[in-house]
């Protein structure tokens, strides 16, 4: 469940803008939601989601990147939301 929470938040943030979401956007948004979580952990999770085809990730510098959700990522986000609604409906 905890793993899905971070995955869900990354996917939700990734669909915020049509042009993509920057590294700084992730720092700001996830930093507020997951205080104390190392940014390195977040980047590894983003890279893992990109490897699965849920996100498109483009590095724009040594430590900067943009991320955009893919159709497969939107589908995965919907699945997570359904799973969570089933869990919380009881």
PDB file of N, CA and C in Angstrom:
ATOM      1  N   UNK A   1       0.822  -1.196   0.000  1.00  0.00           N
ATOM      2  CA  UNK A   1       0.000   0.000   0.000  1.00  0.00           C
ATOM      3  C   UNK A   1       0.867   1.261   0.000  1.00  0.00           C
ATOM      4  N   UNK A   2       1.897   1.306   0.850  1.00  0.00           N
ATOM      5  CA  UNK A   2       2.801   2.448   0.920  1.00  0.00           C
ATOM      6  C   UNK A   2       3.492   2.686  -0.421  1.00  0.00           C
ATOM      7  N   UNK A   3       3.901   1.612  -1.074  1.00  0.00           N
ATOM      8  CA  UNK A   3       4.543   1.699  -2.381  1.00  0.00           C
ATOM      9  C   UNK A   3       3.594   2.321  -3.399  1.00  0.00           C
ATOM     10  N   UNK A   4       2.334   1.921  -3.365  1.00  0.00           N
ATOM     11  CA  UNK A   4       1.340   2.478  -4.280  1.00  0.00           C
ATOM     12  C   UNK A   4       1.110   3.959  -4.025  1.00  0.00           C
ATOM     13  N   UNK A   5       1.240   4.389  -2.791  1.00  0.00           N
ATOM     14  CA  UNK A   5       1.016   5.789  -2.450  1.00  0.00           C
ATOM     15  C   UNK A   5       2.021   6.686  -3.162  1.00  0.00           C
ATOM     16  N   UNK A   6       3.294   6.352  -3.094  1.00  0.00           N
ATOM     17  CA  UNK A   6       4.319   7.142  -3.785  1.00  0.00           C
ATOM     18  C   UNK A   6       4.120   7.051  -5.288  1.00  0.00           C
ATOM     19  N   UNK A   7       3.858   5.859  -5.794  1.00  0.00           N
ATOM     20  CA  UNK A   7       3.624   5.675  -7.227  1.00  0.00           C
ATOM     21  C   UNK A   7       2.437   6.517  -7.682  1.00  0.00           C
ATOM     22  N   UNK A   8       1.349   6.482  -6.920  1.00  0.00           N
ATOM     23  CA  UNK A   8       0.153   7.249  -7.273  1.00  0.00           C
ATOM     24  C   UNK A   8       0.457   8.740  -7.305  1.00  0.00           C
ATOM     25  N   UNK A   9       1.168   9.237  -6.302  1.00  0.00           N
ATOM     26  CA  UNK A   9       1.457  10.669  -6.245  1.00  0.00           C
ATOM     27  C   UNK A   9       2.365  11.105  -7.387  1.00  0.00           C
ATOM     28  N   UNK A  10       3.353  10.284  -7.732  1.00  0.00           N
ATOM     29  CA  UNK A  10       4.228  10.609  -8.862  1.00  0.00           C
ATOM     30  C   UNK A  10       3.416  10.663 -10.155  1.00  0.00           C
ATOM     31  N   UNK A  11       2.553   9.677 -10.358  1.00  0.00           N
ATOM     32  CA  UNK A  11       1.739   9.655 -11.569  1.00  0.00           C
ATOM     33  C   UNK A  11       0.766  10.831 -11.607  1.00  0.00           C
ATOM     34  N   UNK A  12       0.185  11.171 -10.468  1.00  0.00           N
ATOM     35  CA  UNK A  12      -0.737  12.311 -10.414  1.00  0.00           C
ATOM     36  C   UNK A  12      -0.018  13.614 -10.751  1.00  0.00           C
ATOM     37  N   UNK A  13       1.155  13.814 -10.182  1.00  0.00           N
ATOM     38  CA  UNK A  13       1.916  15.031 -10.447  1.00  0.00           C
ATOM     39  C   UNK A  13       2.346  15.078 -11.913  1.00  0.00           C
ATOM     40  N   UNK A  14       2.691  13.920 -12.472  1.00  0.00           N
ATOM     41  CA  UNK A  14       3.169  13.847 -13.854  1.00  0.00           C
ATOM     42  C   UNK A  14       2.123  14.267 -14.868  1.00  0.00           C
ATOM     43  N   UNK A  15       0.870  14.200 -14.512  1.00  0.00           N
ATOM     44  CA  UNK A  15      -0.175  14.578 -15.465  1.00  0.00           C
ATOM     45  C   UNK A  15      -0.660  16.012 -15.261  1.00  0.00           C
ATOM     46  N   UNK A  16       0.018  16.757 -14.380  1.00  0.00           N
ATOM     47  CA  UNK A  16      -0.407  18.113 -14.051  1.00  0.00           C
ATOM     48  C   UNK A  16      -0.348  19.065 -15.240  1.00  0.00           C
ATOM     49  N   UNK A  17       0.656  18.954 -16.053  1.00  0.00           N
ATOM     50  CA  UNK A  17       0.845  19.891 -17.173  1.00  0.00           C
ATOM     51  C   UNK A  17       1.047  19.122 -18.473  1.00  0.00           C
ATOM     52  N   UNK A  18       0.553  19.684 -19.559  1.00  0.00           N
ATOM     53  CA  UNK A  18       0.696  19.033 -20.869  1.00  0.00           C
ATOM     54  C   UNK A  18       2.150  18.959 -21.325  1.00  0.00           C
ATOM     55  N   UNK A  19       2.954  19.938 -20.949  1.00  0.00           N
ATOM     56  CA  UNK A  19       4.340  19.964 -21.413  1.00  0.00           C
ATOM     57  C   UNK A  19       5.257  19.098 -20.573  1.00  0.00           C
ATOM     58  N   UNK A  20       4.785  18.640 -19.439  1.00  0.00           N
ATOM     59  CA  UNK A  20       5.594  17.824 -18.545  1.00  0.00           C
ATOM     60  C   UNK A  20       5.827  18.530 -17.230  1.00  0.00           C
ATOM     61  N   UNK A  21       6.437  17.814 -16.317  1.00  0.00           N
ATOM     62  CA  UNK A  21       6.683  18.309 -14.969  1.00  0.00           C
ATOM     63  C   UNK A  21       8.181  18.270 -14.715  1.00  0.00           C
ATOM     64  N   UNK A  22       8.704  19.343 -14.168  1.00  0.00           N
ATOM     65  CA  UNK A  22      10.146  19.442 -13.948  1.00  0.00           C
ATOM     66  C   UNK A  22      10.572  18.805 -12.629  1.00  0.00           C
ATOM     67  N   UNK A  23      11.856  18.645 -12.496  1.00  0.00           N
ATOM     68  CA  UNK A  23      12.453  18.141 -11.268  1.00  0.00           C
ATOM     69  C   UNK A  23      12.037  19.018 -10.095  1.00  0.00           C
ATOM     70  N   UNK A  24      12.066  20.328 -10.285  1.00  0.00           N
ATOM     71  CA  UNK A  24      11.701  21.253  -9.215  1.00  0.00           C
ATOM     72  C   UNK A  24      10.240  21.095  -8.802  1.00  0.00           C
ATOM     73  N   UNK A  25       9.373  20.812  -9.773  1.00  0.00           N
ATOM     74  CA  UNK A  25       7.965  20.564  -9.449  1.00  0.00           C
ATOM     75  C   UNK A  25       7.833  19.354  -8.529  1.00  0.00           C
ATOM     76  N   UNK A  26       8.574  18.298  -8.849  1.00  0.00           N
ATOM     77  CA  UNK A  26       8.541  17.095  -8.003  1.00  0.00           C
ATOM     78  C   UNK A  26       9.078  17.396  -6.609  1.00  0.00           C
ATOM     79  N   UNK A  27      10.173  18.146  -6.527  1.00  0.00           N
ATOM     80  CA  UNK A  27      10.731  18.503  -5.226  1.00  0.00           C
ATOM     81  C   UNK A  27       9.701  19.243  -4.379  1.00  0.00           C
ATOM     82  N   UNK A  28       9.052  20.204  -4.981  1.00  0.00           N
ATOM     83  CA  UNK A  28       8.074  21.016  -4.253  1.00  0.00           C
ATOM     84  C   UNK A  28       6.858  20.183  -3.835  1.00  0.00           C
ATOM     85  N   UNK A  29       6.257  19.474  -4.780  1.00  0.00           N
ATOM     86  CA  UNK A  29       5.030  18.724  -4.513  1.00  0.00           C
ATOM     87  C   UNK A  29       5.255  17.534  -3.575  1.00  0.00           C
ATOM     88  N   UNK A  30       6.233  16.713  -3.894  1.00  0.00           N
ATOM     89  CA  UNK A  30       6.457  15.518  -3.080  1.00  0.00           C
ATOM     90  C   UNK A  30       7.133  15.841  -1.751  1.00  0.00           C
ATOM     91  N   UNK A  31       7.913  16.922  -1.732  1.00  0.00           N
ATOM     92  CA  UNK A  31       8.534  17.341  -0.483  1.00  0.00           C
ATOM     93  C   UNK A  31       7.498  17.712   0.564  1.00  0.00           C
ATOM     94  N   UNK A  32       6.401  18.281   0.113  1.00  0.00           N
ATOM     95  CA  UNK A  32       5.325  18.648   1.034  1.00  0.00           C
ATOM     96  C   UNK A  32       4.546  17.417   1.498  1.00  0.00           C
ATOM     97  N   UNK A  33       4.395  16.437   0.635  1.00  0.00           N
ATOM     98  CA  UNK A  33       3.580  15.255   0.941  1.00  0.00           C
ATOM     99  C   UNK A  33       4.346  14.167   1.673  1.00  0.00           C
ATOM    100  N   UNK A  34       5.645  14.070   1.402  1.00  0.00           N
ATOM    101  CA  UNK A  34       6.468  13.003   1.986  1.00  0.00           C
ATOM    102  C   UNK A  34       7.686  13.610   2.673  1.00  0.00           C
ATOM    103  N   UNK A  35       7.453  14.341   3.718  1.00  0.00           N
ATOM    104  CA  UNK A  35       8.557  14.984   4.450  1.00  0.00           C
ATOM    105  C   UNK A  35       9.553  13.925   4.923  1.00  0.00           C
ATOM    106  N   UNK A  36      10.826  14.220   4.672  1.00  0.00           N
ATOM    107  CA  UNK A  36      11.872  13.317   5.123  1.00  0.00           C
ATOM    108  C   UNK A  36      12.261  12.249   4.111  1.00  0.00           C
ATOM    109  N   UNK A  37      11.487  12.102   3.044  1.00  0.00           N
ATOM    110  CA  UNK A  37      11.823  11.113   2.018  1.00  0.00           C
ATOM    111  C   UNK A  37      12.942  11.681   1.142  1.00  0.00           C
ATOM    112  N   UNK A  38      14.082  10.993   1.060  1.00  0.00           N
ATOM    113  CA  UNK A  38      15.199  11.508   0.261  1.00  0.00           C
ATOM    114  C   UNK A  38      14.813  11.658  -1.216  1.00  0.00           C
ATOM    115  N   UNK A  39      15.244  12.766  -1.809  1.00  0.00           N
ATOM    116  CA  UNK A  39      14.915  13.004  -3.214  1.00  0.00           C
ATOM    117  C   UNK A  39      15.475  11.906  -4.104  1.00  0.00           C
ATOM    118  N   UNK A  40      16.609  11.332  -3.719  1.00  0.00           N
ATOM    119  CA  UNK A  40      17.213  10.230  -4.479  1.00  0.00           C
ATOM    120  C   UNK A  40      16.237   9.054  -4.596  1.00  0.00           C
ATOM    121  N   UNK A  41      15.499   8.782  -3.536  1.00  0.00           N
ATOM    122  CA  UNK A  41      14.499   7.713  -3.537  1.00  0.00           C
ATOM    123  C   UNK A  41      13.390   8.025  -4.535  1.00  0.00           C
ATOM    124  N   UNK A  42      12.981   9.283  -4.568  1.00  0.00           N
ATOM    125  CA  UNK A  42      11.927   9.712  -5.497  1.00  0.00           C
ATOM    126  C   UNK A  42      12.415   9.572  -6.936  1.00  0.00           C
ATOM    127  N   UNK A  43      13.645  10.013  -7.201  1.00  0.00           N
ATOM    128  CA  UNK A  43      14.194   9.929  -8.565  1.00  0.00           C
ATOM    129  C   UNK A  43      14.281   8.474  -9.012  1.00  0.00           C
ATOM    130  N   UNK A  44      14.724   7.585  -8.136  1.00  0.00           N
ATOM    131  CA  UNK A  44      14.799   6.158  -8.491  1.00  0.00           C
ATOM    132  C   UNK A  44      13.413   5.604  -8.804  1.00  0.00           C
ATOM    133  N   UNK A  45      12.408   6.030  -8.050  1.00  0.00           N
ATOM    134  CA  UNK A  45      11.037   5.578  -8.308  1.00  0.00           C
ATOM    135  C   UNK A  45      10.545   6.108  -9.656  1.00  0.00           C
ATOM    136  N   UNK A  46      10.840   7.368  -9.946  1.00  0.00           N
ATOM    137  CA  UNK A  46      10.464   7.953 -11.238  1.00  0.00           C
ATOM    138  C   UNK A  46      11.140   7.199 -12.371  1.00  0.00           C
ATOM    139  N   UNK A  47      12.421   6.918 -12.227  1.00  0.00           N
ATOM    140  CA  UNK A  47      13.151   6.171 -13.258  1.00  0.00           C
ATOM    141  C   UNK A  47      12.560   4.779 -13.437  1.00  0.00           C
ATOM    142  N   UNK A  48      12.186   4.129 -12.330  1.00  0.00           N
ATOM    143  CA  UNK A  48      11.560   2.810 -12.408  1.00  0.00           C
ATOM    144  C   UNK A  48      10.227   2.851 -13.140  1.00  0.00           C
ATOM    145  N   UNK A  49       9.430   3.892 -12.879  1.00  0.00           N
ATOM    146  CA  UNK A  49       8.148   4.035 -13.572  1.00  0.00           C
ATOM    147  C   UNK A  49       8.356   4.333 -15.054  1.00  0.00           C
ATOM    148  N   UNK A  50       9.423   5.064 -15.366  1.00  0.00           N
ATOM    149  CA  UNK A  50       9.749   5.332 -16.775  1.00  0.00           C
ATOM    150  C   UNK A  50      10.170   4.037 -17.478  1.00  0.00           C
ATOM    151  N   UNK A  51      10.933   3.201 -16.792  1.00  0.00           N
ATOM    152  CA  UNK A  51      11.351   1.917 -17.368  1.00  0.00           C
ATOM    153  C   UNK A  51      10.155   1.011 -17.654  1.00  0.00           C
ATOM    154  N   UNK A  52       9.121   1.112 -16.829  1.00  0.00           N
ATOM    155  CA  UNK A  52       7.911   0.314 -17.034  1.00  0.00           C
ATOM    156  C   UNK A  52       7.001   0.902 -18.119  1.00  0.00           C
ATOM    157  N   UNK A  53       7.354   2.101 -18.593  1.00  0.00           N
ATOM    158  CA  UNK A  53       6.552   2.728 -19.641  1.00  0.00           C
ATOM    159  C   UNK A  53       5.405   3.584 -19.125  1.00  0.00           C
ATOM    160  N   UNK A  54       5.382   3.842 -17.809  1.00  0.00           N
ATOM    161  CA  UNK A  54       4.322   4.665 -17.224  1.00  0.00           C
ATOM    162  C   UNK A  54       4.609   6.156 -17.383  1.00  0.00           C
ATOM    163  N   UNK A  55       5.886   6.491 -17.492  1.00  0.00           N
ATOM    164  CA  UNK A  55       6.311   7.878 -17.631  1.00  0.00           C
ATOM    165  C   UNK A  55       7.304   8.008 -18.766  1.00  0.00           C
ATOM    166  N   UNK A  56       7.321   9.194 -19.374  1.00  0.00           N
ATOM    167  CA  UNK A  56       8.372   9.557 -20.309  1.00  0.00           C
ATOM    168  C   UNK A  56       9.271  10.520 -19.546  1.00  0.00           C
ATOM    169  N   UNK A  57      10.547  10.203 -19.434  1.00  0.00           N
ATOM    170  CA  UNK A  57      11.483  11.018 -18.658  1.00  0.00           C
ATOM    171  C   UNK A  57      12.598  11.494 -19.573  1.00  0.00           C
ATOM    172  N   UNK A  58      12.808  12.808 -19.580  1.00  0.00           N
ATOM    173  CA  UNK A  58      13.857  13.394 -20.411  1.00  0.00           C
ATOM    174  C   UNK A  58      14.784  14.227 -19.539  1.00  0.00           C
ATOM    175  N   UNK A  59      16.062  13.873 -19.541  1.00  0.00           N
ATOM    176  CA  UNK A  59      17.042  14.657 -18.798  1.00  0.00           C
ATOM    177  C   UNK A  59      17.394  15.897 -19.609  1.00  0.00           C
ATOM    178  N   UNK A  60      17.358  17.051 -18.942  1.00  0.00           N
ATOM    179  CA  UNK A  60      17.669  18.323 -19.601  1.00  0.00           C
ATOM    180  C   UNK A  60      18.982  18.898 -19.081  1.00  0.00           C
ATOM    181  N   UNK A  61      19.618  18.171 -18.185  1.00  0.00           N
ATOM    182  CA  UNK A  61      20.894  18.570 -17.606  1.00  0.00           C
ATOM    183  C   UNK A  61      21.376  17.447 -16.713  1.00  0.00           C
ATOM    184  N   UNK A  62      22.530  17.602 -16.081  1.00  0.00           N
ATOM    185  CA  UNK A  62      23.074  16.529 -15.236  1.00  0.00           C
ATOM    186  C   UNK A  62      22.130  16.084 -14.123  1.00  0.00           C
ATOM    187  N   UNK A  63      21.374  17.028 -13.564  1.00  0.00           N
ATOM    188  CA  UNK A  63      20.473  16.666 -12.463  1.00  0.00           C
ATOM    189  C   UNK A  63      19.045  17.176 -12.703  1.00  0.00           C
ATOM    190  N   UNK A  64      18.778  17.675 -13.894  1.00  0.00           N
ATOM    191  CA  UNK A  64      17.455  18.220 -14.210  1.00  0.00           C
ATOM    192  C   UNK A  64      16.737  17.331 -15.204  1.00  0.00           C
ATOM    193  N   UNK A  65      15.426  17.271 -15.070  1.00  0.00           N
ATOM    194  CA  UNK A  65      14.634  16.453 -15.981  1.00  0.00           C
ATOM    195  C   UNK A  65      13.204  16.957 -16.058  1.00  0.00           C
ATOM    196  N   UNK A  66      12.530  16.509 -17.106  1.00  0.00           N
ATOM    197  CA  UNK A  66      11.095  16.696 -17.266  1.00  0.00           C
ATOM    198  C   UNK A  66      10.463  15.321 -17.352  1.00  0.00           C
ATOM    199  N   UNK A  67       9.261  15.191 -16.817  1.00  0.00           N
ATOM    200  CA  UNK A  67       8.544  13.927 -16.828  1.00  0.00           C
ATOM    201  C   UNK A  67       7.137  14.182 -17.342  1.00  0.00           C
ATOM    202  N   UNK A  68       6.672  13.265 -18.162  1.00  0.00           N
ATOM    203  CA  UNK A  68       5.310  13.336 -18.681  1.00  0.00           C
ATOM    204  C   UNK A  68       4.679  11.956 -18.559  1.00  0.00           C
ATOM    205  N   UNK A  69       3.429  11.908 -18.158  1.00  0.00           N
ATOM    206  CA  UNK A  69       2.744  10.631 -18.018  1.00  0.00           C
ATOM    207  C   UNK A  69       2.386  10.090 -19.399  1.00  0.00           C
ATOM    208  N   UNK A  70       2.470   8.785 -19.574  1.00  0.00           N
ATOM    209  CA  UNK A  70       2.117   8.129 -20.832  1.00  0.00           C
ATOM    210  C   UNK A  70       0.696   7.571 -20.726  1.00  0.00           C
ATOM    211  N   UNK A  71       0.113   7.163 -21.848  1.00  0.00           N
ATOM    212  CA  UNK A  71      -1.203   6.513 -21.766  1.00  0.00           C
ATOM    213  C   UNK A  71      -1.190   5.290 -20.840  1.00  0.00           C
ATOM    214  N   UNK A  72      -0.105   4.534 -20.882  1.00  0.00           N
ATOM    215  CA  UNK A  72       0.028   3.374 -19.989  1.00  0.00           C
ATOM    216  C   UNK A  72       0.068   3.832 -18.526  1.00  0.00           C
ATOM    217  N   UNK A  73       0.700   4.968 -18.262  1.00  0.00           N
ATOM    218  CA  UNK A  73       0.759   5.515 -16.916  1.00  0.00           C
ATOM    219  C   UNK A  73      -0.605   5.992 -16.429  1.00  0.00           C
ATOM    220  N   UNK A  74      -1.373   6.591 -17.337  1.00  0.00           N
ATOM    221  CA  UNK A  74      -2.733   7.016 -16.970  1.00  0.00           C
ATOM    222  C   UNK A  74      -3.585   5.797 -16.597  1.00  0.00           C
ATOM    223  N   UNK A  75      -3.414   4.726 -17.351  1.00  0.00           N
ATOM    224  CA  UNK A  75      -4.151   3.496 -17.066  1.00  0.00           C
ATOM    225  C   UNK A  75      -3.728   2.938 -15.700  1.00  0.00           C
ATOM    226  N   UNK A  76      -2.437   2.952 -15.417  1.00  0.00           N
ATOM    227  CA  UNK A  76      -1.940   2.453 -14.131  1.00  0.00           C
ATOM    228  C   UNK A  76      -2.479   3.310 -12.981  1.00  0.00           C
ATOM    229  N   UNK A  77      -2.524   4.620 -13.172  1.00  0.00           N
ATOM    230  CA  UNK A  77      -3.058   5.502 -12.143  1.00  0.00           C
ATOM    231  C   UNK A  77      -4.525   5.176 -11.862  1.00  0.00           C
ATOM    232  N   UNK A  78      -5.292   4.936 -12.906  1.00  0.00           N
ATOM    233  CA  UNK A  78      -6.696   4.557 -12.730  1.00  0.00           C
ATOM    234  C   UNK A  78      -6.811   3.249 -11.947  1.00  0.00           C
ATOM    235  N   UNK A  79      -5.949   2.274 -12.257  1.00  0.00           N
ATOM    236  CA  UNK A  79      -5.962   0.995 -11.541  1.00  0.00           C
ATOM    237  C   UNK A  79      -5.677   1.193 -10.051  1.00  0.00           C
ATOM    238  N   UNK A  80      -4.684   2.023  -9.741  1.00  0.00           N
ATOM    239  CA  UNK A  80      -4.343   2.286  -8.345  1.00  0.00           C
ATOM    240  C   UNK A  80      -5.523   2.936  -7.629  1.00  0.00           C
ATOM    241  N   UNK A  81      -6.147   3.905  -8.293  1.00  0.00           N
ATOM    242  CA  UNK A  81      -7.278   4.602  -7.676  1.00  0.00           C
ATOM    243  C   UNK A  81      -8.432   3.637  -7.406  1.00  0.00           C
ATOM    244  N   UNK A  82      -8.674   2.711  -8.330  1.00  0.00           N
ATOM    245  CA  UNK A  82      -9.736   1.719  -8.131  1.00  0.00           C
ATOM    246  C   UNK A  82      -9.373   0.798  -6.975  1.00  0.00           C
ATOM    247  N   UNK A  83      -8.131   0.318  -6.944  1.00  0.00           N
ATOM    248  CA  UNK A  83      -7.690  -0.548  -5.849  1.00  0.00           C
ATOM    249  C   UNK A  83      -7.878   0.142  -4.498  1.00  0.00           C
ATOM    250  N   UNK A  84      -7.496   1.395  -4.419  1.00  0.00           N
ATOM    251  CA  UNK A  84      -7.627   2.126  -3.165  1.00  0.00           C
ATOM    252  C   UNK A  84      -9.081   2.358  -2.795  1.00  0.00           C
ATOM    253  N   UNK A  85      -9.920   2.609  -3.770  1.00  0.00           N
ATOM    254  CA  UNK A  85     -11.334   2.823  -3.445  1.00  0.00           C
ATOM    255  C   UNK A  85     -11.965   1.523  -2.940  1.00  0.00           C
ATOM    256  N   UNK A  86     -11.503   0.390  -3.455  1.00  0.00           N
ATOM    257  CA  UNK A  86     -12.012  -0.890  -2.977  1.00  0.00           C
ATOM    258  C   UNK A  86     -11.560  -1.147  -1.544  1.00  0.00           C
ATOM    259  N   UNK A  87     -10.353  -0.769  -1.237  1.00  0.00           N
ATOM    260  CA  UNK A  87      -9.816  -0.968   0.109  1.00  0.00           C
ATOM    261  C   UNK A  87     -10.554  -0.078   1.104  1.00  0.00           C
ATOM    262  N   UNK A  88     -10.793   1.172   0.736  1.00  0.00           N
ATOM    263  CA  UNK A  88     -11.399   2.120   1.670  1.00  0.00           C
ATOM    264  C   UNK A  88     -12.909   2.053   1.711  1.00  0.00           C
ATOM    265  N   UNK A  89     -13.531   1.276   0.851  1.00  0.00           N
ATOM    266  CA  UNK A  89     -14.983   1.137   0.857  1.00  0.00           C
ATOM    267  C   UNK A  89     -15.491   0.251   1.986  1.00  0.00           C
ATOM    268  N   UNK A  90     -14.609  -0.518   2.617  1.00  0.00           N
ATOM    269  CA  UNK A  90     -15.052  -1.436   3.668  1.00  0.00           C
ATOM    270  C   UNK A  90     -15.140  -0.778   4.997  1.00  0.00           C
TER     271      UNK A  90
END
